[in-house]
Amino acid sequence: MSEFQIPKLMTIADMSTRWDMPRQSIHEKKGGYDFPPVVQYVANGRTALYLESDVEKYEELYPWITTPEKRQRRQRFIWSLIQDKVL
């Protein structure tokens, strides 16, 4: 008999913990066209669920999102590019 596997699901709160990022920042990223799609809403439509595999693909596309240090490093890099153009 084959076993049915329930896929691993994540909420915005789970991503917030995983990436050490405020939930509001993640909500702002949801507007992007390549943010993982919602697969289901629960709690009377208040909580969106995302496939963990989709979140992992997003992390592959945007590796700097995974830690505060990587986000800071990317921010400094972009700032240096802007400063080079200005000068």
PDB file of N, CA and C in Angstrom:
ATOM      1  N   MET A   1       0.846  -1.170   0.000  1.00  0.00           N
ATOM      2  CA  MET A   1       0.000   0.000   0.000  1.00  0.00           C
ATOM      3  C   MET A   1       0.899   1.243   0.000  1.00  0.00           C
ATOM      4  N   SER A   2       0.592   2.199  -0.870  1.00  0.00           N
ATOM      5  CA  SER A   2       1.408   3.419  -0.923  1.00  0.00           C
ATOM      6  C   SER A   2       0.909   4.415   0.119  1.00  0.00           C
ATOM      7  N   GLU A   3       1.862   5.096   0.709  1.00  0.00           N
ATOM      8  CA  GLU A   3       1.520   6.089   1.729  1.00  0.00           C
ATOM      9  C   GLU A   3       1.311   7.444   1.092  1.00  0.00           C
ATOM     10  N   PHE A   4       0.291   8.124   1.534  1.00  0.00           N
ATOM     11  CA  PHE A   4       0.052   9.489   1.073  1.00  0.00           C
ATOM     12  C   PHE A   4       0.915  10.422   1.909  1.00  0.00           C
ATOM     13  N   GLN A   5       1.714  11.233   1.251  1.00  0.00           N
ATOM     14  CA  GLN A   5       2.593  12.181   1.938  1.00  0.00           C
ATOM     15  C   GLN A   5       1.972  13.574   1.907  1.00  0.00           C
ATOM     16  N   ILE A   6       1.765  14.143   3.059  1.00  0.00           N
ATOM     17  CA  ILE A   6       1.284  15.519   3.139  1.00  0.00           C
ATOM     18  C   ILE A   6       2.493  16.431   2.966  1.00  0.00           C
ATOM     19  N   PRO A   7       2.435  17.367   2.019  1.00  0.00           N
ATOM     20  CA  PRO A   7       3.594  18.254   1.820  1.00  0.00           C
ATOM     21  C   PRO A   7       3.790  19.176   3.020  1.00  0.00           C
ATOM     22  N   LYS A   8       5.028  19.560   3.234  1.00  0.00           N
ATOM     23  CA  LYS A   8       5.325  20.487   4.324  1.00  0.00           C
ATOM     24  C   LYS A   8       4.831  21.870   3.936  1.00  0.00           C
ATOM     25  N   LEU A   9       4.122  22.496   4.859  1.00  0.00           N
ATOM     26  CA  LEU A   9       3.537  23.812   4.622  1.00  0.00           C
ATOM     27  C   LEU A   9       4.157  24.833   5.566  1.00  0.00           C
ATOM     28  N   MET A  10       4.132  26.082   5.136  1.00  0.00           N
ATOM     29  CA  MET A  10       4.678  27.171   5.945  1.00  0.00           C
ATOM     30  C   MET A  10       3.714  28.348   5.937  1.00  0.00           C
ATOM     31  N   THR A  11       3.764  29.124   7.001  1.00  0.00           N
ATOM     32  CA  THR A  11       3.021  30.381   7.083  1.00  0.00           C
ATOM     33  C   THR A  11       4.022  31.535   7.012  1.00  0.00           C
ATOM     34  N   ILE A  12       3.505  32.741   6.949  1.00  0.00           N
ATOM     35  CA  ILE A  12       4.372  33.926   6.993  1.00  0.00           C
ATOM     36  C   ILE A  12       5.164  33.931   8.301  1.00  0.00           C
ATOM     37  N   ALA A  13       4.534  33.532   9.400  1.00  0.00           N
ATOM     38  CA  ALA A  13       5.236  33.476  10.687  1.00  0.00           C
ATOM     39  C   ALA A  13       6.395  32.484  10.636  1.00  0.00           C
ATOM     40  N   ASP A  14       6.198  31.353   9.956  1.00  0.00           N
ATOM     41  CA  ASP A  14       7.285  30.379   9.809  1.00  0.00           C
ATOM     42  C   ASP A  14       8.447  30.975   9.019  1.00  0.00           C
ATOM     43  N   MET A  15       8.126  31.683   7.934  1.00  0.00           N
ATOM     44  CA  MET A  15       9.178  32.322   7.132  1.00  0.00           C
ATOM     45  C   MET A  15       9.889  33.397   7.940  1.00  0.00           C
ATOM     46  N   SER A  16       9.136  34.108   8.752  1.00  0.00           N
ATOM     47  CA  SER A  16       9.724  35.142   9.602  1.00  0.00           C
ATOM     48  C   SER A  16      10.775  34.539  10.536  1.00  0.00           C
ATOM     49  N   THR A  17      10.458  33.408  11.117  1.00  0.00           N
ATOM     50  CA  THR A  17      11.408  32.715  11.993  1.00  0.00           C
ATOM     51  C   THR A  17      12.580  32.162  11.192  1.00  0.00           C
ATOM     52  N   ARG A  18      12.275  31.549  10.075  1.00  0.00           N
ATOM     53  CA  ARG A  18      13.307  30.921   9.233  1.00  0.00           C
ATOM     54  C   ARG A  18      14.329  31.935   8.744  1.00  0.00           C
ATOM     55  N   TRP A  19      13.857  33.116   8.346  1.00  0.00           N
ATOM     56  CA  TRP A  19      14.732  34.138   7.758  1.00  0.00           C
ATOM     57  C   TRP A  19      15.157  35.203   8.769  1.00  0.00           C
ATOM     58  N   ASP A  20      14.665  35.111   9.995  1.00  0.00           N
ATOM     59  CA  ASP A  20      14.953  36.129  11.014  1.00  0.00           C
ATOM     60  C   ASP A  20      14.627  37.517  10.458  1.00  0.00           C
ATOM     61  N   MET A  21      13.381  37.639   9.997  1.00  0.00           N
ATOM     62  CA  MET A  21      12.916  38.852   9.324  1.00  0.00           C
ATOM     63  C   MET A  21      11.529  39.198   9.861  1.00  0.00           C
ATOM     64  N   PRO A  22      11.233  40.471  10.064  1.00  0.00           N
ATOM     65  CA  PRO A  22       9.890  40.844  10.531  1.00  0.00           C
ATOM     66  C   PRO A  22       8.805  40.388   9.546  1.00  0.00           C
ATOM     67  N   ARG A  23       7.659  40.000  10.095  1.00  0.00           N
ATOM     68  CA  ARG A  23       6.555  39.561   9.234  1.00  0.00           C
ATOM     69  C   ARG A  23       6.143  40.647   8.248  1.00  0.00           C
ATOM     70  N   GLN A  24       6.175  41.907   8.682  1.00  0.00           N
ATOM     71  CA  GLN A  24       5.792  43.005   7.796  1.00  0.00           C
ATOM     72  C   GLN A  24       6.684  43.046   6.556  1.00  0.00           C
ATOM     73  N   SER A  25       7.960  42.796   6.726  1.00  0.00           N
ATOM     74  CA  SER A  25       8.880  42.787   5.582  1.00  0.00           C
ATOM     75  C   SER A  25       8.519  41.678   4.599  1.00  0.00           C
ATOM     76  N   ILE A  26       8.107  40.549   5.126  1.00  0.00           N
ATOM     77  CA  ILE A  26       7.711  39.442   4.249  1.00  0.00           C
ATOM     78  C   ILE A  26       6.408  39.783   3.539  1.00  0.00           C
ATOM     79  N   HIS A  27       5.470  40.409   4.242  1.00  0.00           N
ATOM     80  CA  HIS A  27       4.217  40.824   3.600  1.00  0.00           C
ATOM     81  C   HIS A  27       4.501  41.787   2.449  1.00  0.00           C
ATOM     82  N   GLU A  28       5.495  42.653   2.593  1.00  0.00           N
ATOM     83  CA  GLU A  28       5.858  43.573   1.514  1.00  0.00           C
ATOM     84  C   GLU A  28       6.414  42.811   0.314  1.00  0.00           C
ATOM     85  N   LYS A  29       7.129  41.730   0.546  1.00  0.00           N
ATOM     86  CA  LYS A  29       7.696  40.936  -0.539  1.00  0.00           C
ATOM     87  C   LYS A  29       6.626  40.125  -1.263  1.00  0.00           C
ATOM     88  N   LYS A  30       5.497  39.875  -0.603  1.00  0.00           N
ATOM     89  CA  LYS A  30       4.423  39.097  -1.223  1.00  0.00           C
ATOM     90  C   LYS A  30       3.915  39.735  -2.502  1.00  0.00           C
ATOM     91  N   GLY A  31       4.087  41.031  -2.637  1.00  0.00           N
ATOM     92  CA  GLY A  31       3.619  41.716  -3.833  1.00  0.00           C
ATOM     93  C   GLY A  31       4.445  41.397  -5.064  1.00  0.00           C
ATOM     94  N   GLY A  32       5.622  40.836  -4.878  1.00  0.00           N
ATOM     95  CA  GLY A  32       6.481  40.493  -6.009  1.00  0.00           C
ATOM     96  C   GLY A  32       5.893  39.347  -6.819  1.00  0.00           C
ATOM     97  N   TYR A  33       6.119  39.377  -8.107  1.00  0.00           N
ATOM     98  CA  TYR A  33       5.525  38.368  -8.978  1.00  0.00           C
ATOM     99  C   TYR A  33       6.110  36.977  -8.751  1.00  0.00           C
ATOM    100  N   ASP A  34       7.296  36.881  -8.169  1.00  0.00           N
ATOM    101  CA  ASP A  34       7.935  35.581  -8.013  1.00  0.00           C
ATOM    102  C   ASP A  34       7.907  35.061  -6.577  1.00  0.00           C
ATOM    103  N   PHE A  35       7.161  35.720  -5.700  1.00  0.00           N
ATOM    104  CA  PHE A  35       7.010  35.207  -4.334  1.00  0.00           C
ATOM    105  C   PHE A  35       6.210  33.909  -4.414  1.00  0.00           C
ATOM    106  N   PRO A  36       6.509  32.940  -3.557  1.00  0.00           N
ATOM    107  CA  PRO A  36       5.779  31.667  -3.625  1.00  0.00           C
ATOM    108  C   PRO A  36       4.261  31.875  -3.578  1.00  0.00           C
ATOM    109  N   PRO A  37       3.544  31.108  -4.383  1.00  0.00           N
ATOM    110  CA  PRO A  37       2.082  31.251  -4.387  1.00  0.00           C
ATOM    111  C   PRO A  37       1.451  30.626  -3.144  1.00  0.00           C
ATOM    112  N   VAL A  38       0.341  31.188  -2.750  1.00  0.00           N
ATOM    113  CA  VAL A  38      -0.446  30.622  -1.643  1.00  0.00           C
ATOM    114  C   VAL A  38      -1.101  29.343  -2.158  1.00  0.00           C
ATOM    115  N   VAL A  39      -1.017  28.274  -1.378  1.00  0.00           N
ATOM    116  CA  VAL A  39      -1.666  27.026  -1.791  1.00  0.00           C
ATOM    117  C   VAL A  39      -2.997  26.814  -1.082  1.00  0.00           C
ATOM    118  N   GLN A  40      -3.175  27.462   0.070  1.00  0.00           N
ATOM    119  CA  GLN A  40      -4.422  27.312   0.821  1.00  0.00           C
ATOM    120  C   GLN A  40      -4.506  28.401   1.882  1.00  0.00           C
ATOM    121  N   TYR A  41      -5.731  28.823   2.150  1.00  0.00           N
ATOM    122  CA  TYR A  41      -5.981  29.731   3.275  1.00  0.00           C
ATOM    123  C   TYR A  41      -6.683  28.942   4.371  1.00  0.00           C
ATOM    124  N   VAL A  42      -6.306  29.209   5.628  1.00  0.00           N
ATOM    125  CA  VAL A  42      -6.954  28.575   6.778  1.00  0.00           C
ATOM    126  C   VAL A  42      -7.360  29.671   7.756  1.00  0.00           C
ATOM    127  N   ALA A  43      -7.977  29.279   8.853  1.00  0.00           N
ATOM    128  CA  ALA A  43      -8.421  30.227   9.886  1.00  0.00           C
ATOM    129  C   ALA A  43      -9.354  31.279   9.287  1.00  0.00           C
ATOM    130  N   ASN A  44     -10.384  30.799   8.600  1.00  0.00           N
ATOM    131  CA  ASN A  44     -11.375  31.683   7.970  1.00  0.00           C
ATOM    132  C   ASN A  44     -10.739  32.663   7.000  1.00  0.00           C
ATOM    133  N   GLY A  45      -9.733  32.194   6.262  1.00  0.00           N
ATOM    134  CA  GLY A  45      -9.105  33.025   5.236  1.00  0.00           C
ATOM    135  C   GLY A  45      -8.064  33.998   5.747  1.00  0.00           C
ATOM    136  N   ARG A  46      -7.713  33.917   7.021  1.00  0.00           N
ATOM    137  CA  ARG A  46      -6.756  34.876   7.590  1.00  0.00           C
ATOM    138  C   ARG A  46      -5.303  34.427   7.483  1.00  0.00           C
ATOM    139  N   THR A  47      -5.060  33.130   7.344  1.00  0.00           N
ATOM    140  CA  THR A  47      -3.691  32.620   7.333  1.00  0.00           C
ATOM    141  C   THR A  47      -3.414  31.907   6.022  1.00  0.00           C
ATOM    142  N   ALA A  48      -2.406  32.392   5.306  1.00  0.00           N
ATOM    143  CA  ALA A  48      -2.008  31.783   4.036  1.00  0.00           C
ATOM    144  C   ALA A  48      -0.989  30.682   4.298  1.00  0.00           C
ATOM    145  N   LEU A  49      -1.106  29.600   3.542  1.00  0.00           N
ATOM    146  CA  LEU A  49      -0.145  28.502   3.624  1.00  0.00           C
ATOM    147  C   LEU A  49       0.634  28.419   2.318  1.00  0.00           C
ATOM    148  N   TYR A  50       1.910  28.156   2.443  1.00  0.00           N
ATOM    149  CA  TYR A  50       2.824  28.054   1.304  1.00  0.00           C
ATOM    150  C   TYR A  50       3.525  26.707   1.364  1.00  0.00           C
ATOM    151  N   LEU A  51       3.827  26.132   0.200  1.00  0.00           N
ATOM    152  CA  LEU A  51       4.605  24.900   0.171  1.00  0.00           C
ATOM    153  C   LEU A  51       6.050  25.200   0.548  1.00  0.00           C
ATOM    154  N   GLU A  52       6.610  24.395   1.427  1.00  0.00           N
ATOM    155  CA  GLU A  52       8.008  24.583   1.805  1.00  0.00           C
ATOM    156  C   GLU A  52       8.914  24.467   0.578  1.00  0.00           C
ATOM    157  N   SER A  53       8.571  23.582  -0.351  1.00  0.00           N
ATOM    158  CA  SER A  53       9.389  23.426  -1.561  1.00  0.00           C
ATOM    159  C   SER A  53       9.390  24.706  -2.397  1.00  0.00           C
ATOM    160  N   ASP A  54       8.257  25.425  -2.443  1.00  0.00           N
ATOM    161  CA  ASP A  54       8.207  26.706  -3.160  1.00  0.00           C
ATOM    162  C   ASP A  54       9.058  27.758  -2.454  1.00  0.00           C
ATOM    163  N   VAL A  55       9.044  27.743  -1.130  1.00  0.00           N
ATOM    164  CA  VAL A  55       9.861  28.681  -0.351  1.00  0.00           C
ATOM    165  C   VAL A  55      11.340  28.394  -0.601  1.00  0.00           C
ATOM    166  N   GLU A  56      11.707  27.123  -0.659  1.00  0.00           N
ATOM    167  CA  GLU A  56      13.100  26.758  -0.927  1.00  0.00           C
ATOM    168  C   GLU A  56      13.538  27.217  -2.315  1.00  0.00           C
ATOM    169  N   LYS A  57      12.643  27.120  -3.300  1.00  0.00           N
ATOM    170  CA  LYS A  57      12.966  27.613  -4.652  1.00  0.00           C
ATOM    171  C   LYS A  57      13.169  29.129  -4.626  1.00  0.00           C
ATOM    172  N   TYR A  58      12.343  29.818  -3.865  1.00  0.00           N
ATOM    173  CA  TYR A  58      12.478  31.270  -3.723  1.00  0.00           C
ATOM    174  C   TYR A  58      13.823  31.616  -3.092  1.00  0.00           C
ATOM    175  N   GLU A  59      14.227  30.836  -2.102  1.00  0.00           N
ATOM    176  CA  GLU A  59      15.523  31.053  -1.452  1.00  0.00           C
ATOM    177  C   GLU A  59      16.679  30.813  -2.424  1.00  0.00           C
ATOM    178  N   GLU A  60      16.504  29.880  -3.344  1.00  0.00           N
ATOM    179  CA  GLU A  60      17.544  29.650  -4.353  1.00  0.00           C
ATOM    180  C   GLU A  60      17.660  30.847  -5.290  1.00  0.00           C
ATOM    181  N   LEU A  61      16.517  31.439  -5.646  1.00  0.00           N
ATOM    182  CA  LEU A  61      16.527  32.623  -6.518  1.00  0.00           C
ATOM    183  C   LEU A  61      17.086  33.845  -5.807  1.00  0.00           C
ATOM    184  N   TYR A  62      16.798  33.971  -4.525  1.00  0.00           N
ATOM    185  CA  TYR A  62      17.191  35.136  -3.729  1.00  0.00           C
ATOM    186  C   TYR A  62      17.924  34.677  -2.467  1.00  0.00           C
ATOM    187  N   PRO A  63      19.158  34.198  -2.608  1.00  0.00           N
ATOM    188  CA  PRO A  63      19.864  33.640  -1.444  1.00  0.00           C
ATOM    189  C   PRO A  63      20.122  34.654  -0.338  1.00  0.00           C
ATOM    190  N   TRP A  64      20.133  35.934  -0.661  1.00  0.00           N
ATOM    191  CA  TRP A  64      20.393  36.959   0.357  1.00  0.00           C
ATOM    192  C   TRP A  64      19.238  37.120   1.339  1.00  0.00           C
ATOM    193  N   ILE A  65      18.108  36.540   1.040  1.00  0.00           N
ATOM    194  CA  ILE A  65      16.952  36.713   1.924  1.00  0.00           C
ATOM    195  C   ILE A  65      17.051  35.853   3.184  1.00  0.00           C
ATOM    196  N   THR A  66      17.892  34.842   3.166  1.00  0.00           N
ATOM    197  CA  THR A  66      17.864  33.822   4.215  1.00  0.00           C
ATOM    198  C   THR A  66      18.425  34.238   5.568  1.00  0.00           C
ATOM    199  N   THR A  67      19.305  35.245   5.618  1.00  0.00           N
ATOM    200  CA  THR A  67      19.849  35.681   6.913  1.00  0.00           C
ATOM    201  C   THR A  67      20.013  37.197   6.942  1.00  0.00           C
ATOM    202  N   PRO A  68      19.972  37.792   8.121  1.00  0.00           N
ATOM    203  CA  PRO A  68      20.193  39.239   8.226  1.00  0.00           C
ATOM    204  C   PRO A  68      21.575  39.643   7.700  1.00  0.00           C
ATOM    205  N   GLU A  69      22.571  38.803   7.923  1.00  0.00           N
ATOM    206  CA  GLU A  69      23.922  39.126   7.464  1.00  0.00           C
ATOM    207  C   GLU A  69      23.986  39.204   5.941  1.00  0.00           C
ATOM    208  N   LYS A  70      23.350  38.246   5.273  1.00  0.00           N
ATOM    209  CA  LYS A  70      23.347  38.259   3.803  1.00  0.00           C
ATOM    210  C   LYS A  70      22.572  39.464   3.278  1.00  0.00           C
ATOM    211  N   ARG A  71      21.480  39.826   3.943  1.00  0.00           N
ATOM    212  CA  ARG A  71      20.709  40.997   3.505  1.00  0.00           C
ATOM    213  C   ARG A  71      21.536  42.267   3.684  1.00  0.00           C
ATOM    214  N   GLN A  72      22.249  42.367   4.798  1.00  0.00           N
ATOM    215  CA  GLN A  72      23.093  43.536   5.063  1.00  0.00           C
ATOM    216  C   GLN A  72      24.220  43.638   4.035  1.00  0.00           C
ATOM    217  N   ARG A  73      24.845  42.512   3.732  1.00  0.00           N
ATOM    218  CA  ARG A  73      25.931  42.490   2.750  1.00  0.00           C
ATOM    219  C   ARG A  73      25.423  42.950   1.378  1.00  0.00           C
ATOM    220  N   ARG A  74      24.248  42.473   0.991  1.00  0.00           N
ATOM    221  CA  ARG A  74      23.676  42.866  -0.300  1.00  0.00           C
ATOM    222  C   ARG A  74      23.334  44.356  -0.300  1.00  0.00           C
ATOM    223  N   GLN A  75      22.794  44.828   0.801  1.00  0.00           N
ATOM    224  CA  GLN A  75      22.455  46.247   0.908  1.00  0.00           C
ATOM    225  C   GLN A  75      23.707  47.113   0.753  1.00  0.00           C
ATOM    226  N   ARG A  76      24.788  46.723   1.397  1.00  0.00           N
ATOM    227  CA  ARG A  76      26.045  47.474   1.269  1.00  0.00           C
ATOM    228  C   ARG A  76      26.571  47.445  -0.157  1.00  0.00           C
ATOM    229  N   PHE A  77      26.464  46.293  -0.804  1.00  0.00           N
ATOM    230  CA  PHE A  77      26.917  46.165  -2.187  1.00  0.00           C
ATOM    231  C   PHE A  77      26.127  47.102  -3.102  1.00  0.00           C
ATOM    232  N   ILE A  78      24.819  47.096  -2.968  1.00  0.00           N
ATOM    233  CA  ILE A  78      23.980  47.970  -3.801  1.00  0.00           C
ATOM    234  C   ILE A  78      24.300  49.430  -3.510  1.00  0.00           C
ATOM    235  N   TRP A  79      24.489  49.765  -2.238  1.00  0.00           N
ATOM    236  CA  TRP A  79      24.834  51.137  -1.870  1.00  0.00           C
ATOM    237  C   TRP A  79      26.156  51.551  -2.512  1.00  0.00           C
ATOM    238  N   SER A  80      27.125  50.636  -2.532  1.00  0.00           N
ATOM    239  CA  SER A  80      28.421  50.963  -3.146  1.00  0.00           C
ATOM    240  C   SER A  80      28.267  51.204  -4.642  1.00  0.00           C
ATOM    241  N   LEU A  81      27.394  50.462  -5.298  1.00  0.00           N
ATOM    242  CA  LEU A  81      27.154  50.684  -6.728  1.00  0.00           C
ATOM    243  C   LEU A  81      26.531  52.052  -6.969  1.00  0.00           C
ATOM    244  N   ILE A  82      25.600  52.422  -6.111  1.00  0.00           N
ATOM    245  CA  ILE A  82      24.951  53.730  -6.236  1.00  0.00           C
ATOM    246  C   ILE A  82      25.972  54.837  -6.012  1.00  0.00           C
ATOM    247  N   GLN A  83      26.800  54.686  -5.005  1.00  0.00           N
ATOM    248  CA  GLN A  83      27.814  55.699  -4.705  1.00  0.00           C
ATOM    249  C   GLN A  83      28.822  55.838  -5.843  1.00  0.00           C
ATOM    250  N   ASP A  84      29.208  54.732  -6.457  1.00  0.00           N
ATOM    251  CA  ASP A  84      30.143  54.779  -7.582  1.00  0.00           C
ATOM    252  C   ASP A  84      29.548  55.542  -8.760  1.00  0.00           C
ATOM    253  N   LYS A  85      28.241  55.390  -8.979  1.00  0.00           N
ATOM    254  CA  LYS A  85      27.580  56.099 -10.080  1.00  0.00           C
ATOM    255  C   LYS A  85      27.494  57.594  -9.802  1.00  0.00           C
ATOM    256  N   VAL A  86      27.256  57.942  -8.557  1.00  0.00           N
ATOM    257  CA  VAL A  86      27.091  59.342  -8.178  1.00  0.00           C
ATOM    258  C   VAL A  86      28.416  60.082  -8.287  1.00  0.00           C
ATOM    259  N   LEU A  87      29.484  59.444  -7.887  1.00  0.00           N
ATOM    260  CA  LEU A  87      30.796  60.095  -7.888  1.00  0.00           C
ATOM    261  C   LEU A  87      31.381  60.101  -9.229  1.00  0.00           C
TER     262      LEU A  87
END
